[in-house]
Amino acid sequence: MTTIRTTCGECGDVELTTSDVALELTGNGDEGTYRFVCPTCLSIQRRPATRRVVSILLATGVAYEVTVERAMITEPEISRFVDMLDSDDWFNELVASGG
């Protein structure tokens, strides 16, 4: 079984198995974060995963998920939506706007 050594912010060095670690990939999938529950203090730890760390974790069989960053809703979009709700035909306006 593969042993993964990492660091808990409270306890220091810890050893984990591949099933103890979850990898979250962002962007083009070569960087992200990994998380684990410290086996000593049971706190959830989250660490950055560089390209090198990602490749090592994937090679050892760590489960992963890919996240897609979405744009934030802007103030003007919220204002238009609120204005739409004031009309009697707000739902049809919303559908027609593609929202």
N, C-alpha and C. Protein backbone atom coordinates (compact mmCIF):
# COMPACT_ATOMS: atom_id res chain seq x y z
N MET A 1 0.85 -1.18 0.00
CA MET A 1 0.00 0.00 0.00
C MET A 1 0.90 1.25 0.00
N THR A 2 0.50 2.25 -0.76
CA THR A 2 1.26 3.49 -0.87
C THR A 2 1.07 4.35 0.37
N THR A 3 2.18 4.90 0.87
CA THR A 3 2.13 5.83 2.00
C THR A 3 2.42 7.23 1.49
N ILE A 4 1.59 8.18 1.88
CA ILE A 4 1.77 9.58 1.50
C ILE A 4 2.14 10.34 2.76
N ARG A 5 3.28 11.02 2.70
CA ARG A 5 3.71 11.83 3.84
C ARG A 5 3.41 13.29 3.56
N THR A 6 2.77 13.93 4.52
CA THR A 6 2.46 15.36 4.40
C THR A 6 2.52 15.97 5.79
N THR A 7 2.07 17.20 5.91
CA THR A 7 2.18 17.90 7.18
C THR A 7 0.82 18.44 7.62
N CYS A 8 0.50 18.21 8.87
CA CYS A 8 -0.67 18.81 9.51
C CYS A 8 -0.20 20.12 10.13
N GLY A 9 -0.99 21.17 10.00
CA GLY A 9 -0.64 22.46 10.58
C GLY A 9 -0.54 22.43 12.10
N GLU A 10 -1.19 21.47 12.74
CA GLU A 10 -1.18 21.36 14.20
C GLU A 10 -0.19 20.31 14.70
N CYS A 11 -0.13 19.17 14.01
CA CYS A 11 0.61 18.02 14.53
C CYS A 11 1.97 17.79 13.88
N GLY A 12 2.22 18.43 12.75
CA GLY A 12 3.48 18.19 12.04
C GLY A 12 3.32 17.07 11.03
N ASP A 13 4.39 16.29 10.82
CA ASP A 13 4.40 15.25 9.81
C ASP A 13 3.41 14.13 10.13
N VAL A 14 2.65 13.72 9.10
CA VAL A 14 1.71 12.60 9.23
C VAL A 14 1.84 11.71 8.01
N GLU A 15 1.43 10.45 8.18
CA GLU A 15 1.43 9.49 7.08
C GLU A 15 -0.01 9.10 6.78
N LEU A 16 -0.33 9.08 5.48
CA LEU A 16 -1.69 8.78 5.02
C LEU A 16 -1.64 7.71 3.94
N THR A 17 -2.79 7.15 3.64
CA THR A 17 -2.92 6.26 2.48
C THR A 17 -3.61 7.04 1.37
N THR A 18 -3.64 6.48 0.18
CA THR A 18 -4.28 7.17 -0.95
C THR A 18 -5.76 7.43 -0.69
N SER A 19 -6.41 6.57 0.07
CA SER A 19 -7.83 6.77 0.35
C SER A 19 -8.07 7.86 1.39
N ASP A 20 -7.02 8.33 2.06
CA ASP A 20 -7.14 9.40 3.05
C ASP A 20 -7.06 10.78 2.43
N VAL A 21 -6.66 10.85 1.15
CA VAL A 21 -6.39 12.13 0.50
C VAL A 21 -7.37 12.34 -0.65
N ALA A 22 -7.87 13.56 -0.79
CA ALA A 22 -8.73 13.93 -1.92
C ALA A 22 -8.07 15.09 -2.65
N LEU A 23 -8.03 15.01 -3.96
CA LEU A 23 -7.39 16.02 -4.79
C LEU A 23 -8.45 16.80 -5.56
N GLU A 24 -8.34 18.12 -5.54
CA GLU A 24 -9.26 18.98 -6.27
C GLU A 24 -8.45 19.75 -7.31
N LEU A 25 -8.71 19.48 -8.58
CA LEU A 25 -7.97 20.11 -9.67
C LEU A 25 -8.74 21.31 -10.19
N THR A 26 -8.04 22.38 -10.52
CA THR A 26 -8.67 23.58 -11.05
C THR A 26 -8.05 23.94 -12.39
N GLY A 27 -8.72 24.83 -13.11
CA GLY A 27 -8.17 25.32 -14.38
C GLY A 27 -7.94 24.21 -15.38
N ASN A 28 -6.70 24.11 -15.86
CA ASN A 28 -6.40 23.09 -16.87
C ASN A 28 -6.05 21.74 -16.26
N GLY A 29 -6.19 21.59 -14.95
CA GLY A 29 -6.05 20.30 -14.31
C GLY A 29 -4.65 19.94 -13.85
N ASP A 30 -3.70 20.88 -13.94
CA ASP A 30 -2.36 20.51 -13.50
C ASP A 30 -1.98 21.10 -12.14
N GLU A 31 -2.88 21.85 -11.52
CA GLU A 31 -2.68 22.38 -10.17
C GLU A 31 -4.00 22.35 -9.43
N GLY A 32 -3.95 22.56 -8.13
CA GLY A 32 -5.16 22.58 -7.34
C GLY A 32 -4.85 22.54 -5.86
N THR A 33 -5.65 21.78 -5.13
CA THR A 33 -5.45 21.60 -3.70
C THR A 33 -5.72 20.15 -3.35
N TYR A 34 -5.11 19.70 -2.25
CA TYR A 34 -5.48 18.39 -1.73
C TYR A 34 -5.90 18.57 -0.28
N ARG A 35 -6.75 17.67 0.18
CA ARG A 35 -7.25 17.77 1.54
C ARG A 35 -7.25 16.40 2.19
N PHE A 36 -7.17 16.44 3.51
CA PHE A 36 -7.17 15.21 4.29
C PHE A 36 -7.58 15.53 5.71
N VAL A 37 -7.98 14.51 6.43
CA VAL A 37 -8.27 14.66 7.86
C VAL A 37 -7.04 14.12 8.59
N CYS A 38 -6.46 14.96 9.44
CA CYS A 38 -5.28 14.55 10.19
C CYS A 38 -5.63 13.34 11.07
N PRO A 39 -4.85 12.27 10.96
CA PRO A 39 -5.16 11.08 11.77
C PRO A 39 -4.92 11.28 13.27
N THR A 40 -4.20 12.33 13.63
CA THR A 40 -3.91 12.57 15.05
C THR A 40 -4.93 13.49 15.70
N CYS A 41 -5.11 14.69 15.12
CA CYS A 41 -6.01 15.68 15.74
C CYS A 41 -7.39 15.74 15.09
N LEU A 42 -7.58 15.02 13.98
CA LEU A 42 -8.85 14.92 13.26
C LEU A 42 -9.32 16.23 12.63
N SER A 43 -8.41 17.19 12.47
CA SER A 43 -8.79 18.44 11.81
C SER A 43 -8.66 18.28 10.30
N ILE A 44 -9.53 18.99 9.57
CA ILE A 44 -9.46 18.96 8.11
C ILE A 44 -8.33 19.87 7.66
N GLN A 45 -7.45 19.35 6.85
CA GLN A 45 -6.30 20.09 6.34
C GLN A 45 -6.46 20.28 4.84
N ARG A 46 -6.05 21.43 4.36
CA ARG A 46 -6.13 21.74 2.93
C ARG A 46 -4.78 22.33 2.54
N ARG A 47 -4.17 21.78 1.49
CA ARG A 47 -2.84 22.20 1.06
C ARG A 47 -2.84 22.47 -0.43
N PRO A 48 -2.01 23.43 -0.88
CA PRO A 48 -1.88 23.66 -2.33
C PRO A 48 -1.20 22.46 -2.99
N ALA A 49 -1.61 22.19 -4.22
CA ALA A 49 -1.01 21.09 -4.98
C ALA A 49 -0.42 21.66 -6.27
N THR A 50 0.89 21.74 -6.31
CA THR A 50 1.59 22.19 -7.51
C THR A 50 1.53 21.11 -8.58
N ARG A 51 2.04 21.40 -9.76
CA ARG A 51 2.08 20.39 -10.83
C ARG A 51 2.75 19.11 -10.36
N ARG A 52 3.87 19.27 -9.67
CA ARG A 52 4.62 18.11 -9.19
C ARG A 52 3.79 17.29 -8.21
N VAL A 53 3.17 17.96 -7.24
CA VAL A 53 2.34 17.27 -6.25
C VAL A 53 1.16 16.59 -6.92
N VAL A 54 0.51 17.27 -7.85
CA VAL A 54 -0.62 16.67 -8.58
C VAL A 54 -0.18 15.40 -9.29
N SER A 55 0.93 15.45 -9.99
CA SER A 55 1.38 14.27 -10.75
C SER A 55 1.70 13.11 -9.81
N ILE A 56 2.30 13.40 -8.66
CA ILE A 56 2.62 12.34 -7.70
C ILE A 56 1.33 11.74 -7.13
N LEU A 57 0.40 12.60 -6.71
CA LEU A 57 -0.85 12.09 -6.13
C LEU A 57 -1.66 11.28 -7.14
N LEU A 58 -1.72 11.75 -8.38
CA LEU A 58 -2.45 10.99 -9.41
C LEU A 58 -1.76 9.66 -9.68
N ALA A 59 -0.43 9.65 -9.71
CA ALA A 59 0.31 8.41 -9.97
C ALA A 59 0.11 7.38 -8.87
N THR A 60 -0.14 7.84 -7.65
CA THR A 60 -0.35 6.91 -6.54
C THR A 60 -1.80 6.45 -6.43
N GLY A 61 -2.70 7.05 -7.23
CA GLY A 61 -4.09 6.60 -7.24
C GLY A 61 -5.03 7.40 -6.36
N VAL A 62 -4.64 8.60 -5.98
CA VAL A 62 -5.52 9.45 -5.16
C VAL A 62 -6.74 9.86 -6.00
N ALA A 63 -7.92 9.80 -5.38
CA ALA A 63 -9.15 10.22 -6.06
C ALA A 63 -9.11 11.72 -6.29
N TYR A 64 -9.73 12.16 -7.38
CA TYR A 64 -9.72 13.59 -7.69
C TYR A 64 -11.04 14.03 -8.28
N GLU A 65 -11.25 15.34 -8.23
CA GLU A 65 -12.39 15.96 -8.90
C GLU A 65 -11.89 17.23 -9.56
N VAL A 66 -12.50 17.60 -10.66
CA VAL A 66 -12.13 18.81 -11.38
C VAL A 66 -13.19 19.86 -11.12
N THR A 67 -12.76 21.04 -10.70
CA THR A 67 -13.70 22.12 -10.45
C THR A 67 -13.54 23.18 -11.52
N VAL A 68 -14.63 23.81 -11.85
CA VAL A 68 -14.62 24.87 -12.85
C VAL A 68 -14.97 26.17 -12.14
N GLU A 69 -14.12 27.16 -12.30
CA GLU A 69 -14.41 28.45 -11.69
C GLU A 69 -15.48 29.15 -12.51
N ARG A 70 -16.46 29.66 -11.83
CA ARG A 70 -17.55 30.36 -12.50
C ARG A 70 -17.46 31.84 -12.19
N ALA A 71 -17.92 32.63 -13.12
CA ALA A 71 -17.90 34.08 -12.93
C ALA A 71 -18.89 34.47 -11.85
N MET A 72 -18.55 35.48 -11.12
CA MET A 72 -19.42 36.00 -10.07
C MET A 72 -20.56 36.79 -10.71
N ILE A 73 -21.68 36.84 -10.02
CA ILE A 73 -22.81 37.66 -10.47
C ILE A 73 -22.47 39.11 -10.14
N THR A 74 -22.65 39.98 -11.10
CA THR A 74 -22.30 41.38 -10.91
C THR A 74 -23.48 42.18 -10.35
N GLU A 75 -23.17 43.35 -9.80
CA GLU A 75 -24.22 44.24 -9.28
C GLU A 75 -25.22 44.64 -10.37
N PRO A 76 -24.76 45.01 -11.59
CA PRO A 76 -25.74 45.36 -12.64
C PRO A 76 -26.66 44.19 -12.98
N GLU A 77 -26.15 42.96 -12.95
CA GLU A 77 -27.00 41.80 -13.24
C GLU A 77 -28.07 41.63 -12.15
N ILE A 78 -27.68 41.85 -10.91
CA ILE A 78 -28.64 41.76 -9.81
C ILE A 78 -29.71 42.84 -9.96
N SER A 79 -29.28 44.05 -10.29
CA SER A 79 -30.24 45.16 -10.46
C SER A 79 -31.23 44.87 -11.58
N ARG A 80 -30.74 44.34 -12.71
CA ARG A 80 -31.64 44.01 -13.83
C ARG A 80 -32.63 42.93 -13.40
N PHE A 81 -32.17 41.95 -12.65
CA PHE A 81 -33.05 40.88 -12.19
C PHE A 81 -34.13 41.43 -11.26
N VAL A 82 -33.74 42.28 -10.33
CA VAL A 82 -34.70 42.88 -9.40
C VAL A 82 -35.72 43.71 -10.16
N ASP A 83 -35.25 44.49 -11.15
CA ASP A 83 -36.17 45.28 -11.97
C ASP A 83 -37.15 44.38 -12.71
N MET A 84 -36.65 43.25 -13.20
CA MET A 84 -37.51 42.30 -13.91
C MET A 84 -38.61 41.77 -13.00
N LEU A 85 -38.26 41.50 -11.74
CA LEU A 85 -39.24 40.96 -10.80
C LEU A 85 -40.38 41.93 -10.52
N ASP A 86 -40.13 43.23 -10.73
CA ASP A 86 -41.17 44.23 -10.51
C ASP A 86 -42.21 44.24 -11.61
N SER A 87 -41.91 43.61 -12.75
CA SER A 87 -42.89 43.59 -13.85
C SER A 87 -43.83 42.41 -13.70
N ASP A 88 -44.99 42.50 -14.35
CA ASP A 88 -45.97 41.43 -14.28
C ASP A 88 -45.55 40.21 -15.11
N ASP A 89 -44.70 40.44 -16.08
CA ASP A 89 -44.29 39.37 -16.99
C ASP A 89 -42.83 38.98 -16.76
N TRP A 90 -42.36 39.00 -15.49
CA TRP A 90 -40.95 38.82 -15.18
C TRP A 90 -40.40 37.47 -15.65
N PHE A 91 -41.20 36.41 -15.55
CA PHE A 91 -40.69 35.09 -15.92
C PHE A 91 -40.40 35.02 -17.42
N ASN A 92 -41.33 35.51 -18.24
CA ASN A 92 -41.11 35.50 -19.70
C ASN A 92 -39.92 36.38 -20.08
N GLU A 93 -39.75 37.53 -19.39
CA GLU A 93 -38.61 38.39 -19.65
C GLU A 93 -37.29 37.67 -19.30
N LEU A 94 -37.31 36.95 -18.20
CA LEU A 94 -36.13 36.22 -17.78
C LEU A 94 -35.75 35.15 -18.81
N VAL A 95 -36.74 34.39 -19.25
CA VAL A 95 -36.50 33.34 -20.26
C VAL A 95 -36.01 33.97 -21.56
N ALA A 96 -36.60 35.07 -21.98
CA ALA A 96 -36.21 35.72 -23.22
C ALA A 96 -34.78 36.28 -23.15
N SER A 97 -34.33 36.65 -21.94
CA SER A 97 -32.98 37.21 -21.80
C SER A 97 -31.91 36.12 -21.77
N GLY A 98 -32.32 34.86 -21.73
CA GLY A 98 -31.36 33.76 -21.67
C GLY A 98 -30.93 33.42 -20.27
N GLY A 99 -31.51 34.06 -19.27
CA GLY A 99 -31.14 33.81 -17.86
C GLY A 99 -31.93 32.71 -17.31
